[in-house]
Amino acid sequence: MHAGLERNRIRKHLLVFALAAPVLAMITFLGLSQSSKEALSDINATGVAMLFSAGTFLYVATVHVLPEVGGGGHSHAPTGGNGGKGLSKVEVGALVLGCLIPLVLSIGHHH
């Protein structure tokens, strides 16, 4: 609405966005449950799907979230806080810890 789009256009975009995950989850389930499981395992379909999912997450993080953290983008936070100067030391520590948890959990885990 801030960009000046019409309400109906916004509703259409929200509908597509809201239906994307459940519809594609059902399509993926049907695709994986078919008798062609051997063909799917030959192309590592699960790995490709997870790579696509991770890429989507990284895109959203770099295009939308990181500019806001750096103070260059718009903010949804109240006008208080740290003045739009980015993350505090505690927040950076929590971010780094969150990034390292999967690494620690994978130690000694082999397939």
N, C-alpha and C. Protein backbone atom coordinates (compact mmCIF):
# COMPACT_ATOMS: atom_id res chain seq x y z
N MET A 1 0.83 -1.19 0.00
CA MET A 1 0.00 0.00 0.00
C MET A 1 0.87 1.25 0.00
N HIS A 2 2.04 1.15 0.66
CA HIS A 2 2.94 2.30 0.69
C HIS A 2 3.50 2.60 -0.69
N ALA A 3 3.59 1.58 -1.54
CA ALA A 3 4.11 1.77 -2.89
C ALA A 3 3.04 2.28 -3.85
N GLY A 4 1.81 2.40 -3.37
CA GLY A 4 0.74 2.93 -4.20
C GLY A 4 0.02 1.89 -5.04
N LEU A 5 0.16 0.62 -4.70
CA LEU A 5 -0.54 -0.43 -5.45
C LEU A 5 -2.00 -0.48 -5.02
N GLU A 6 -2.85 -0.94 -5.94
CA GLU A 6 -4.27 -1.07 -5.64
C GLU A 6 -4.49 -2.24 -4.69
N ARG A 7 -5.55 -2.14 -3.90
CA ARG A 7 -5.86 -3.20 -2.92
C ARG A 7 -6.09 -4.55 -3.59
N ASN A 8 -6.79 -4.56 -4.72
CA ASN A 8 -7.07 -5.83 -5.40
C ASN A 8 -5.78 -6.48 -5.89
N ARG A 9 -4.85 -5.69 -6.38
CA ARG A 9 -3.57 -6.24 -6.85
C ARG A 9 -2.77 -6.79 -5.66
N ILE A 10 -2.81 -6.09 -4.55
CA ILE A 10 -2.13 -6.57 -3.34
C ILE A 10 -2.75 -7.88 -2.88
N ARG A 11 -4.06 -7.96 -2.90
CA ARG A 11 -4.74 -9.20 -2.49
C ARG A 11 -4.37 -10.37 -3.40
N LYS A 12 -4.28 -10.12 -4.70
CA LYS A 12 -3.88 -11.18 -5.64
C LYS A 12 -2.47 -11.66 -5.34
N HIS A 13 -1.56 -10.74 -5.08
CA HIS A 13 -0.18 -11.12 -4.76
C HIS A 13 -0.12 -11.91 -3.45
N LEU A 14 -0.88 -11.47 -2.46
CA LEU A 14 -0.91 -12.19 -1.19
C LEU A 14 -1.51 -13.58 -1.34
N LEU A 15 -2.53 -13.71 -2.18
CA LEU A 15 -3.15 -15.01 -2.40
C LEU A 15 -2.16 -15.97 -3.05
N VAL A 16 -1.46 -15.50 -4.08
CA VAL A 16 -0.46 -16.34 -4.74
C VAL A 16 0.64 -16.73 -3.76
N PHE A 17 1.10 -15.77 -2.96
CA PHE A 17 2.14 -16.04 -1.98
C PHE A 17 1.67 -17.05 -0.93
N ALA A 18 0.45 -16.88 -0.45
CA ALA A 18 -0.09 -17.76 0.58
C ALA A 18 -0.32 -19.18 0.07
N LEU A 19 -0.70 -19.32 -1.20
CA LEU A 19 -0.98 -20.64 -1.76
C LEU A 19 0.26 -21.35 -2.29
N ALA A 20 1.34 -20.63 -2.48
CA ALA A 20 2.54 -21.21 -3.09
C ALA A 20 3.08 -22.39 -2.28
N ALA A 21 3.27 -22.22 -0.99
CA ALA A 21 3.87 -23.29 -0.18
C ALA A 21 2.98 -24.53 -0.10
N PRO A 22 1.69 -24.40 0.25
CA PRO A 22 0.89 -25.62 0.34
C PRO A 22 0.70 -26.33 -1.00
N VAL A 23 0.50 -25.57 -2.06
CA VAL A 23 0.30 -26.20 -3.37
C VAL A 23 1.56 -26.93 -3.82
N LEU A 24 2.71 -26.29 -3.70
CA LEU A 24 3.95 -26.94 -4.09
C LEU A 24 4.32 -28.09 -3.17
N ALA A 25 3.93 -28.01 -1.89
CA ALA A 25 4.16 -29.14 -0.98
C ALA A 25 3.35 -30.35 -1.42
N MET A 26 2.10 -30.13 -1.83
CA MET A 26 1.27 -31.24 -2.32
C MET A 26 1.82 -31.81 -3.63
N ILE A 27 2.27 -30.94 -4.52
CA ILE A 27 2.85 -31.41 -5.78
C ILE A 27 4.12 -32.23 -5.51
N THR A 28 4.94 -31.76 -4.59
CA THR A 28 6.16 -32.49 -4.24
C THR A 28 5.82 -33.84 -3.62
N PHE A 29 4.83 -33.87 -2.73
CA PHE A 29 4.42 -35.13 -2.11
C PHE A 29 3.94 -36.11 -3.18
N LEU A 30 3.11 -35.63 -4.09
CA LEU A 30 2.62 -36.51 -5.15
C LEU A 30 3.76 -36.98 -6.05
N GLY A 31 4.68 -36.10 -6.33
CA GLY A 31 5.82 -36.48 -7.16
C GLY A 31 6.71 -37.52 -6.51
N LEU A 32 6.91 -37.38 -5.20
CA LEU A 32 7.77 -38.32 -4.48
C LEU A 32 7.06 -39.64 -4.18
N SER A 33 5.74 -39.63 -4.15
CA SER A 33 5.02 -40.85 -3.80
C SER A 33 4.68 -41.71 -5.01
N GLN A 34 4.99 -41.25 -6.20
CA GLN A 34 4.71 -42.03 -7.41
C GLN A 34 5.66 -43.22 -7.50
N SER A 35 5.39 -44.09 -8.41
CA SER A 35 6.18 -45.32 -8.55
C SER A 35 7.57 -45.06 -9.13
N SER A 36 7.85 -43.84 -9.53
CA SER A 36 9.14 -43.54 -10.14
C SER A 36 10.15 -43.06 -9.10
N LYS A 37 10.14 -43.66 -7.92
CA LYS A 37 11.07 -43.26 -6.86
C LYS A 37 12.51 -43.47 -7.28
N GLU A 38 12.75 -44.51 -8.08
CA GLU A 38 14.12 -44.77 -8.53
C GLU A 38 14.63 -43.61 -9.39
N ALA A 39 13.76 -43.09 -10.26
CA ALA A 39 14.16 -41.98 -11.12
C ALA A 39 14.45 -40.74 -10.30
N LEU A 40 13.64 -40.51 -9.25
CA LEU A 40 13.88 -39.35 -8.40
C LEU A 40 15.17 -39.49 -7.62
N SER A 41 15.49 -40.69 -7.17
CA SER A 41 16.72 -40.85 -6.42
C SER A 41 17.94 -40.76 -7.32
N ASP A 42 17.76 -41.09 -8.62
CA ASP A 42 18.88 -40.97 -9.55
C ASP A 42 19.30 -39.52 -9.74
N ILE A 43 18.37 -38.60 -9.69
CA ILE A 43 18.73 -37.20 -9.88
C ILE A 43 18.83 -36.45 -8.55
N ASN A 44 18.75 -37.17 -7.44
CA ASN A 44 18.83 -36.55 -6.11
C ASN A 44 17.82 -35.42 -5.97
N ALA A 45 16.55 -35.75 -6.22
CA ALA A 45 15.49 -34.74 -6.22
C ALA A 45 15.37 -34.05 -4.87
N THR A 46 15.53 -34.78 -3.78
CA THR A 46 15.42 -34.15 -2.46
C THR A 46 16.52 -33.14 -2.26
N GLY A 47 17.74 -33.48 -2.67
CA GLY A 47 18.85 -32.54 -2.54
C GLY A 47 18.65 -31.30 -3.39
N VAL A 48 18.15 -31.48 -4.59
CA VAL A 48 17.90 -30.34 -5.48
C VAL A 48 16.81 -29.45 -4.88
N ALA A 49 15.77 -30.05 -4.33
CA ALA A 49 14.70 -29.27 -3.70
C ALA A 49 15.22 -28.49 -2.50
N MET A 50 16.08 -29.12 -1.70
CA MET A 50 16.64 -28.43 -0.54
C MET A 50 17.58 -27.30 -0.97
N LEU A 51 18.32 -27.51 -2.04
CA LEU A 51 19.18 -26.43 -2.56
C LEU A 51 18.35 -25.25 -3.01
N PHE A 52 17.24 -25.53 -3.69
CA PHE A 52 16.35 -24.46 -4.13
C PHE A 52 15.77 -23.72 -2.93
N SER A 53 15.37 -24.47 -1.91
CA SER A 53 14.82 -23.86 -0.71
C SER A 53 15.86 -22.99 -0.01
N ALA A 54 17.07 -23.49 0.10
CA ALA A 54 18.14 -22.71 0.74
C ALA A 54 18.46 -21.46 -0.07
N GLY A 55 18.46 -21.58 -1.38
CA GLY A 55 18.72 -20.42 -2.22
C GLY A 55 17.65 -19.35 -2.07
N THR A 56 16.40 -19.79 -1.96
CA THR A 56 15.31 -18.85 -1.74
C THR A 56 15.48 -18.13 -0.41
N PHE A 57 15.84 -18.89 0.63
CA PHE A 57 16.06 -18.30 1.95
C PHE A 57 17.19 -17.28 1.90
N LEU A 58 18.30 -17.62 1.24
CA LEU A 58 19.43 -16.70 1.15
C LEU A 58 19.06 -15.45 0.35
N TYR A 59 18.26 -15.61 -0.68
CA TYR A 59 17.82 -14.45 -1.47
C TYR A 59 17.03 -13.49 -0.60
N VAL A 60 16.06 -14.02 0.14
CA VAL A 60 15.24 -13.16 1.00
C VAL A 60 16.11 -12.50 2.06
N ALA A 61 17.05 -13.27 2.63
CA ALA A 61 17.91 -12.71 3.67
C ALA A 61 18.78 -11.59 3.14
N THR A 62 19.34 -11.76 1.96
CA THR A 62 20.27 -10.74 1.45
C THR A 62 19.56 -9.54 0.84
N VAL A 63 18.41 -9.75 0.23
CA VAL A 63 17.74 -8.65 -0.45
C VAL A 63 16.85 -7.85 0.50
N HIS A 64 16.20 -8.52 1.45
CA HIS A 64 15.23 -7.82 2.29
C HIS A 64 15.74 -7.57 3.71
N VAL A 65 16.29 -8.58 4.35
CA VAL A 65 16.61 -8.47 5.77
C VAL A 65 17.92 -7.73 6.01
N LEU A 66 18.98 -8.07 5.30
CA LEU A 66 20.28 -7.45 5.57
C LEU A 66 20.30 -5.94 5.35
N PRO A 67 19.66 -5.39 4.33
CA PRO A 67 19.65 -3.93 4.23
C PRO A 67 18.99 -3.26 5.43
N GLU A 68 17.98 -3.91 6.00
CA GLU A 68 17.33 -3.34 7.18
C GLU A 68 18.25 -3.40 8.39
N VAL A 69 19.02 -4.48 8.52
CA VAL A 69 19.93 -4.62 9.66
C VAL A 69 21.03 -3.58 9.58
N GLY A 70 21.53 -3.32 8.39
CA GLY A 70 22.60 -2.36 8.22
C GLY A 70 22.17 -0.91 8.36
N GLY A 71 20.89 -0.67 8.47
CA GLY A 71 20.40 0.68 8.62
C GLY A 71 20.10 1.36 7.30
N GLY A 72 20.35 0.66 6.16
CA GLY A 72 20.13 1.28 4.86
C GLY A 72 18.71 1.16 4.37
N GLY A 73 17.96 0.20 4.89
CA GLY A 73 16.60 -0.02 4.41
C GLY A 73 15.58 0.56 5.37
N HIS A 74 14.32 0.28 5.09
CA HIS A 74 13.28 0.73 5.98
C HIS A 74 13.22 -0.17 7.20
N SER A 75 12.64 0.32 8.26
CA SER A 75 12.60 -0.47 9.49
C SER A 75 11.17 -0.60 9.96
N HIS A 76 10.86 -1.76 10.53
CA HIS A 76 9.54 -1.99 11.11
C HIS A 76 9.57 -1.77 12.61
N ALA A 77 10.75 -1.49 13.14
CA ALA A 77 10.91 -1.33 14.58
C ALA A 77 10.42 0.05 15.01
N PRO A 78 10.02 0.17 16.28
CA PRO A 78 9.66 1.50 16.79
C PRO A 78 10.88 2.42 16.73
N THR A 79 10.63 3.70 16.89
CA THR A 79 11.71 4.68 16.73
C THR A 79 12.76 4.59 17.83
N GLY A 80 12.53 3.83 18.86
CA GLY A 80 13.52 3.68 19.92
C GLY A 80 14.62 2.72 19.52
N GLY A 81 15.10 1.91 20.44
CA GLY A 81 16.09 0.88 20.11
C GLY A 81 17.47 1.45 19.94
N ASN A 82 18.24 0.92 19.01
CA ASN A 82 19.63 1.32 18.85
C ASN A 82 19.79 2.40 17.78
N GLY A 83 18.75 3.08 17.42
CA GLY A 83 18.85 4.22 16.52
C GLY A 83 19.10 3.85 15.07
N GLY A 84 18.81 2.62 14.67
CA GLY A 84 19.00 2.23 13.28
C GLY A 84 20.46 2.06 12.89
N LYS A 85 21.34 1.80 13.86
CA LYS A 85 22.77 1.66 13.58
C LYS A 85 23.18 0.22 13.37
N GLY A 86 22.25 -0.67 13.15
CA GLY A 86 22.59 -2.06 12.92
C GLY A 86 22.40 -2.90 14.17
N LEU A 87 23.09 -4.02 14.20
CA LEU A 87 22.94 -4.96 15.30
C LEU A 87 23.83 -4.60 16.47
N SER A 88 23.34 -4.91 17.67
CA SER A 88 24.18 -4.75 18.86
C SER A 88 25.13 -5.93 18.96
N LYS A 89 26.07 -5.87 19.88
CA LYS A 89 27.04 -6.96 20.05
C LYS A 89 26.34 -8.25 20.47
N VAL A 90 25.32 -8.15 21.28
CA VAL A 90 24.58 -9.34 21.71
C VAL A 90 23.86 -9.97 20.52
N GLU A 91 23.27 -9.14 19.67
CA GLU A 91 22.57 -9.66 18.49
C GLU A 91 23.54 -10.30 17.50
N VAL A 92 24.72 -9.70 17.32
CA VAL A 92 25.72 -10.31 16.44
C VAL A 92 26.18 -11.64 17.02
N GLY A 93 26.39 -11.69 18.34
CA GLY A 93 26.78 -12.95 18.99
C GLY A 93 25.72 -14.02 18.80
N ALA A 94 24.45 -13.65 18.96
CA ALA A 94 23.36 -14.61 18.76
C ALA A 94 23.30 -15.07 17.32
N LEU A 95 23.55 -14.17 16.37
CA LEU A 95 23.55 -14.53 14.96
C LEU A 95 24.67 -15.52 14.65
N VAL A 96 25.87 -15.24 15.15
CA VAL A 96 27.01 -16.13 14.92
C VAL A 96 26.78 -17.48 15.59
N LEU A 97 26.25 -17.47 16.80
CA LEU A 97 25.95 -18.72 17.50
C LEU A 97 24.92 -19.54 16.73
N GLY A 98 23.90 -18.89 16.23
CA GLY A 98 22.89 -19.58 15.43
C GLY A 98 23.46 -20.16 14.16
N CYS A 99 24.45 -19.50 13.57
CA CYS A 99 25.09 -20.02 12.37
C CYS A 99 26.00 -21.21 12.68
N LEU A 100 26.56 -21.24 13.88
CA LEU A 100 27.49 -22.32 14.25
C LEU A 100 26.80 -23.56 14.79
N ILE A 101 25.57 -23.44 15.25
CA ILE A 101 24.86 -24.60 15.82
C ILE A 101 24.76 -25.76 14.83
N PRO A 102 24.37 -25.54 13.56
CA PRO A 102 24.34 -26.68 12.62
C PRO A 102 25.72 -27.32 12.44
N LEU A 103 26.77 -26.52 12.45
CA LEU A 103 28.12 -27.06 12.33
C LEU A 103 28.45 -27.97 13.50
N VAL A 104 28.15 -27.53 14.71
CA VAL A 104 28.42 -28.32 15.89
C VAL A 104 27.57 -29.60 15.89
N LEU A 105 26.33 -29.49 15.48
CA LEU A 105 25.46 -30.66 15.46
C LEU A 105 25.90 -31.70 14.42
N SER A 106 26.59 -31.25 13.39
CA SER A 106 27.01 -32.18 12.34
C SER A 106 28.32 -32.89 12.65
N ILE A 107 29.01 -32.48 13.69
CA ILE A 107 30.28 -33.13 14.05
C ILE A 107 30.00 -34.58 14.46
N GLY A 108 30.69 -35.49 13.83
CA GLY A 108 30.53 -36.90 14.14
C GLY A 108 29.31 -37.54 13.48
N HIS A 109 28.58 -36.79 12.70
CA HIS A 109 27.38 -37.34 12.03
C HIS A 109 27.75 -37.68 10.59
N HIS A 110 27.69 -38.95 10.25
CA HIS A 110 28.09 -39.38 8.92
C HIS A 110 26.98 -40.22 8.30
N HIS A 111 26.91 -40.18 6.98
CA HIS A 111 25.94 -41.01 6.24
C HIS A 111 26.67 -42.03 5.43
